[in-house]
C-alpha atoms as a PDB file:
ATOM      1  CA  UNK A   1     306.147   7.735  37.572  1.00  0.00           C
ATOM      2  CA  UNK A   2     307.217   5.206  34.926  1.00  0.00           C
ATOM      3  CA  UNK A   3     304.898   2.039  34.556  1.00  0.00           C
ATOM      4  CA  UNK A   4     306.219  -1.231  33.791  1.00  0.00           C
ATOM      5  CA  UNK A   5     304.106  -2.403  30.966  1.00  0.00           C
ATOM      6  CA  UNK A   6     303.978  -6.177  29.364  1.00  0.00           C
ATOM      7  CA  UNK A   7     305.553  -6.703  26.082  1.00  0.00           C
ATOM      8  CA  UNK A   8     303.577  -6.091  22.962  1.00  0.00           C
ATOM      9  CA  UNK A   9     301.878  -8.859  21.068  1.00  0.00           C
ATOM     10  CA  UNK A  10     303.420 -10.095  17.838  1.00  0.00           C
ATOM     11  CA  UNK A  11     302.905  -7.315  15.312  1.00  0.00           C
ATOM     12  CA  UNK A  12     303.943  -9.696  12.341  1.00  0.00           C
ATOM     13  CA  UNK A  13     300.334 -10.548  11.780  1.00  0.00           C
ATOM     14  CA  UNK A  14     299.588  -7.130  10.767  1.00  0.00           C
ATOM     15  CA  UNK A  15     299.728  -5.958   7.203  1.00  0.00           C
ATOM     16  CA  UNK A  16     301.737  -2.985   5.923  1.00  0.00           C
ATOM     17  CA  UNK A  17     298.550  -0.832   5.918  1.00  0.00           C
ATOM     18  CA  UNK A  18     297.596  -2.109   9.477  1.00  0.00           C
ATOM     19  CA  UNK A  19     301.119  -1.344  10.631  1.00  0.00           C
ATOM     20  CA  UNK A  20     300.758   2.274   9.211  1.00  0.00           C
ATOM     21  CA  UNK A  21     297.569   2.716  11.006  1.00  0.00           C
ATOM     22  CA  UNK A  22     299.171   1.802  14.229  1.00  0.00           C
ATOM     23  CA  UNK A  23     302.036   4.019  13.735  1.00  0.00           C
ATOM     24  CA  UNK A  24     299.914   7.027  12.427  1.00  0.00           C
ATOM     25  CA  UNK A  25     297.329   6.527  14.995  1.00  0.00           C
ATOM     26  CA  UNK A  26     299.765   6.425  17.828  1.00  0.00           C
ATOM     27  CA  UNK A  27     301.338   9.602  16.868  1.00  0.00           C
ATOM     28  CA  UNK A  28     297.975  11.315  16.566  1.00  0.00           C
ATOM     29  CA  UNK A  29     296.630  10.073  19.876  1.00  0.00           C
ATOM     30  CA  UNK A  30     299.849  10.975  21.888  1.00  0.00           C
ATOM     31  CA  UNK A  31     300.110  14.455  20.265  1.00  0.00           C
ATOM     32  CA  UNK A  32     296.531  15.264  20.543  1.00  0.00           C
ATOM     33  CA  UNK A  33     297.137  16.786  24.220  1.00  0.00           C
ATOM     34  CA  UNK A  34     299.961  19.013  22.849  1.00  0.00           C
ATOM     35  CA  UNK A  35     302.583  17.243  25.121  1.00  0.00           C
ATOM     36  CA  UNK A  36     304.500  13.848  25.201  1.00  0.00           C
ATOM     37  CA  UNK A  37     305.023  12.300  28.634  1.00  0.00           C
ATOM     38  CA  UNK A  38     308.044  10.082  29.482  1.00  0.00           C
ATOM     39  CA  UNK A  39     305.651   7.113  29.780  1.00  0.00           C
ATOM     40  CA  UNK A  40     304.240   7.787  26.186  1.00  0.00           C
ATOM     41  CA  UNK A  41     307.701   8.073  24.887  1.00  0.00           C
ATOM     42  CA  UNK A  42     308.561   4.631  26.310  1.00  0.00           C
ATOM     43  CA  UNK A  43     305.236   3.326  24.518  1.00  0.00           C
ATOM     44  CA  UNK A  44     306.439   4.729  21.311  1.00  0.00           C
ATOM     45  CA  UNK A  45     309.869   3.187  21.884  1.00  0.00           C
ATOM     46  CA  UNK A  46     308.228  -0.046  22.589  1.00  0.00           C
ATOM     47  CA  UNK A  47     306.191  -0.030  19.404  1.00  0.00           C
ATOM     48  CA  UNK A  48     309.191   0.907  17.066  1.00  0.00           C
ATOM     49  CA  UNK A  49     311.185  -1.712  18.542  1.00  0.00           C
ATOM     50  CA  UNK A  50     308.434  -4.384  17.674  1.00  0.00           C
ATOM     51  CA  UNK A  51     308.199  -3.218  14.310  1.00  0.00           C
ATOM     52  CA  UNK A  52     311.847  -2.529  13.896  1.00  0.00           C
ATOM     53  CA  UNK A  53     313.514   0.893  14.215  1.00  0.00           C
ATOM     54  CA  UNK A  54     314.040   1.339  10.584  1.00  0.00           C
ATOM     55  CA  UNK A  55     310.524  -0.006   9.419  1.00  0.00           C
ATOM     56  CA  UNK A  56     308.902   2.219  12.076  1.00  0.00           C
ATOM     57  CA  UNK A  57     310.934   5.528  10.912  1.00  0.00           C
ATOM     58  CA  UNK A  58     309.966   4.714   7.211  1.00  0.00           C
ATOM     59  CA  UNK A  59     306.217   4.275   7.986  1.00  0.00           C
ATOM     60  CA  UNK A  60     306.402   7.457  10.119  1.00  0.00           C
ATOM     61  CA  UNK A  61     307.843   9.454   7.181  1.00  0.00           C
ATOM     62  CA  UNK A  62     305.260   8.000   4.647  1.00  0.00           C
ATOM     63  CA  UNK A  63     302.265   8.820   7.280  1.00  0.00           C
ATOM     64  CA  UNK A  64     303.599  12.472   7.904  1.00  0.00           C
ATOM     65  CA  UNK A  65     303.314  13.062   4.140  1.00  0.00           C
ATOM     66  CA  UNK A  66     300.178  11.140   3.395  1.00  0.00           C
ATOM     67  CA  UNK A  67     298.226  12.235   6.372  1.00  0.00           C
ATOM     68  CA  UNK A  68     298.903  15.805   7.143  1.00  0.00           C
ATOM     69  CA  UNK A  69     295.711  16.341   9.340  1.00  0.00           C
ATOM     70  CA  UNK A  70     293.124  14.140  11.226  1.00  0.00           C
ATOM     71  CA  UNK A  71     290.677  14.156   8.561  1.00  0.00           C
ATOM     72  CA  UNK A  72     292.883  12.364   5.979  1.00  0.00           C
ATOM     73  CA  UNK A  73     293.890  10.103   8.822  1.00  0.00           C
ATOM     74  CA  UNK A  74     290.307   9.128   9.635  1.00  0.00           C
ATOM     75  CA  UNK A  75     289.764   8.451   5.760  1.00  0.00           C
ATOM     76  CA  UNK A  76     292.699   6.029   5.964  1.00  0.00           C
ATOM     77  CA  UNK A  77     291.501   4.450   9.103  1.00  0.00           C
ATOM     78  CA  UNK A  78     288.262   3.390   7.378  1.00  0.00           C
ATOM     79  CA  UNK A  79     290.293   1.064   5.167  1.00  0.00           C
ATOM     80  CA  UNK A  80     291.453  -1.055   7.952  1.00  0.00           C
ATOM     81  CA  UNK A  81     288.750  -3.774   7.896  1.00  0.00           C
ATOM     82  CA  UNK A  82     290.062  -6.773   9.661  1.00  0.00           C
ATOM     83  CA  UNK A  83     288.355  -6.838  12.975  1.00  0.00           C
ATOM     84  CA  UNK A  84     291.454  -8.590  14.653  1.00  0.00           C
ATOM     85  CA  UNK A  85     293.624  -6.146  13.433  1.00  0.00           C
ATOM     86  CA  UNK A  86     291.504  -3.068  14.475  1.00  0.00           C
ATOM     87  CA  UNK A  87     291.357  -4.951  17.933  1.00  0.00           C
ATOM     88  CA  UNK A  88     295.072  -5.259  18.447  1.00  0.00           C
ATOM     89  CA  UNK A  89     295.756  -1.520  16.909  1.00  0.00           C
ATOM     90  CA  UNK A  90     293.111   0.039  19.204  1.00  0.00           C
ATOM     91  CA  UNK A  91     294.707  -1.816  22.222  1.00  0.00           C
ATOM     92  CA  UNK A  92     298.023  -0.665  21.637  1.00  0.00           C
ATOM     93  CA  UNK A  93     297.067   2.805  20.744  1.00  0.00           C
ATOM     94  CA  UNK A  94     294.907   2.826  24.055  1.00  0.00           C
ATOM     95  CA  UNK A  95     297.820   1.702  26.158  1.00  0.00           C
ATOM     96  CA  UNK A  96     300.026   4.432  24.580  1.00  0.00           C
ATOM     97  CA  UNK A  97     297.478   7.036  25.026  1.00  0.00           C
ATOM     98  CA  UNK A  98     296.810   6.224  28.802  1.00  0.00           C
ATOM     99  CA  UNK A  99     300.642   6.059  29.518  1.00  0.00           C
ATOM    100  CA  UNK A 100     300.677   9.819  30.266  1.00  0.00           C
ATOM    101  CA  UNK A 101     296.947  10.345  31.155  1.00  0.00           C
ATOM    102  CA  UNK A 102     294.333  11.247  28.449  1.00  0.00           C
ATOM    103  CA  UNK A 103     293.832  14.709  27.680  1.00  0.00           C
ATOM    104  CA  UNK A 104     293.367  17.209  24.839  1.00  0.00           C
ATOM    105  CA  UNK A 105     291.671  15.769  21.923  1.00  0.00           C
ATOM    106  CA  UNK A 106     292.750  12.164  22.787  1.00  0.00           C
ATOM    107  CA  UNK A 107     289.104  11.042  24.026  1.00  0.00           C
ATOM    108  CA  UNK A 108     287.540  12.312  20.888  1.00  0.00           C
ATOM    109  CA  UNK A 109     289.728  10.470  18.574  1.00  0.00           C
ATOM    110  CA  UNK A 110     289.706   7.436  20.653  1.00  0.00           C
ATOM    111  CA  UNK A 111     285.921   7.468  20.929  1.00  0.00           C
ATOM    112  CA  UNK A 112     285.681   7.975  17.416  1.00  0.00           C
ATOM    113  CA  UNK A 113     287.702   5.095  16.568  1.00  0.00           C
ATOM    114  CA  UNK A 114     285.895   2.933  18.901  1.00  0.00           C
ATOM    115  CA  UNK A 115     282.498   3.554  17.281  1.00  0.00           C
ATOM    116  CA  UNK A 116     283.902   3.484  13.585  1.00  0.00           C
ATOM    117  CA  UNK A 117     285.786   0.296  14.033  1.00  0.00           C
ATOM    118  CA  UNK A 118     282.710  -1.260  16.284  1.00  0.00           C
ATOM    119  CA  UNK A 119     284.876  -1.816  19.366  1.00  0.00           C
ATOM    120  CA  UNK A 120     283.620  -2.266  22.822  1.00  0.00           C
ATOM    121  CA  UNK A 121     286.074  -1.220  25.654  1.00  0.00           C
ATOM    122  CA  UNK A 122     285.992  -2.559  29.082  1.00  0.00           C
ATOM    123  CA  UNK A 123     287.509  -0.989  32.208  1.00  0.00           C
ATOM    124  CA  UNK A 124     289.400  -3.605  34.280  1.00  0.00           C
ATOM    125  CA  UNK A 125     289.665  -4.000  37.944  1.00  0.00           C
ATOM    126  CA  UNK A 126     292.848  -1.807  38.055  1.00  0.00           C
ATOM    127  CA  UNK A 127     291.059   1.107  36.393  1.00  0.00           C
ATOM    128  CA  UNK A 128     292.825   0.297  33.116  1.00  0.00           C
ATOM    129  CA  UNK A 129     291.387  -0.212  29.730  1.00  0.00           C
ATOM    130  CA  UNK A 130     291.124  -4.023  29.088  1.00  0.00           C
ATOM    131  CA  UNK A 131     291.664  -5.239  25.412  1.00  0.00           C
ATOM    132  CA  UNK A 132     288.905  -4.270  23.168  1.00  0.00           C
ATOM    133  CA  UNK A 133     286.353  -6.746  21.487  1.00  0.00           C
ATOM    134  CA  UNK A 134     283.818  -6.504  18.628  1.00  0.00           C
ATOM    135  CA  UNK A 135     280.271  -5.182  19.435  1.00  0.00           C
ATOM    136  CA  UNK A 136     277.693  -7.343  18.286  1.00  0.00           C
ATOM    137  CA  UNK A 137     275.969  -6.082  15.156  1.00  0.00           C
ATOM    138  CA  UNK A 138     272.678  -4.293  15.588  1.00  0.00           C
END
């Protein structure tokens, strides 16, 4: 069943590293369960279109080389410090991940990111995740 999703927010507010994080993280989360659904493919196409297909492909090529495994990706994700960007990236990645159902290692990576980036995700009335927000510092 194909879902109707709203358009993506303006991604021009993301700097090049934040865009790279979006691309690499989307790929890692979607591939974490070992399969890519039609809905997940649709989400990737939306991200690619929002960034520009050529820019998306260039980022993907660089990310594939720079981050061959989850450990190197996590190290890079630690460098994303702007909270607004973190929230935007996580929201888009979560939408892409849930498009085909969450399975495999997807929950672990999303949970790690939520904790590491100090995000609080709430589940809306429809059962879908609402946009993340910062957790109060403790």
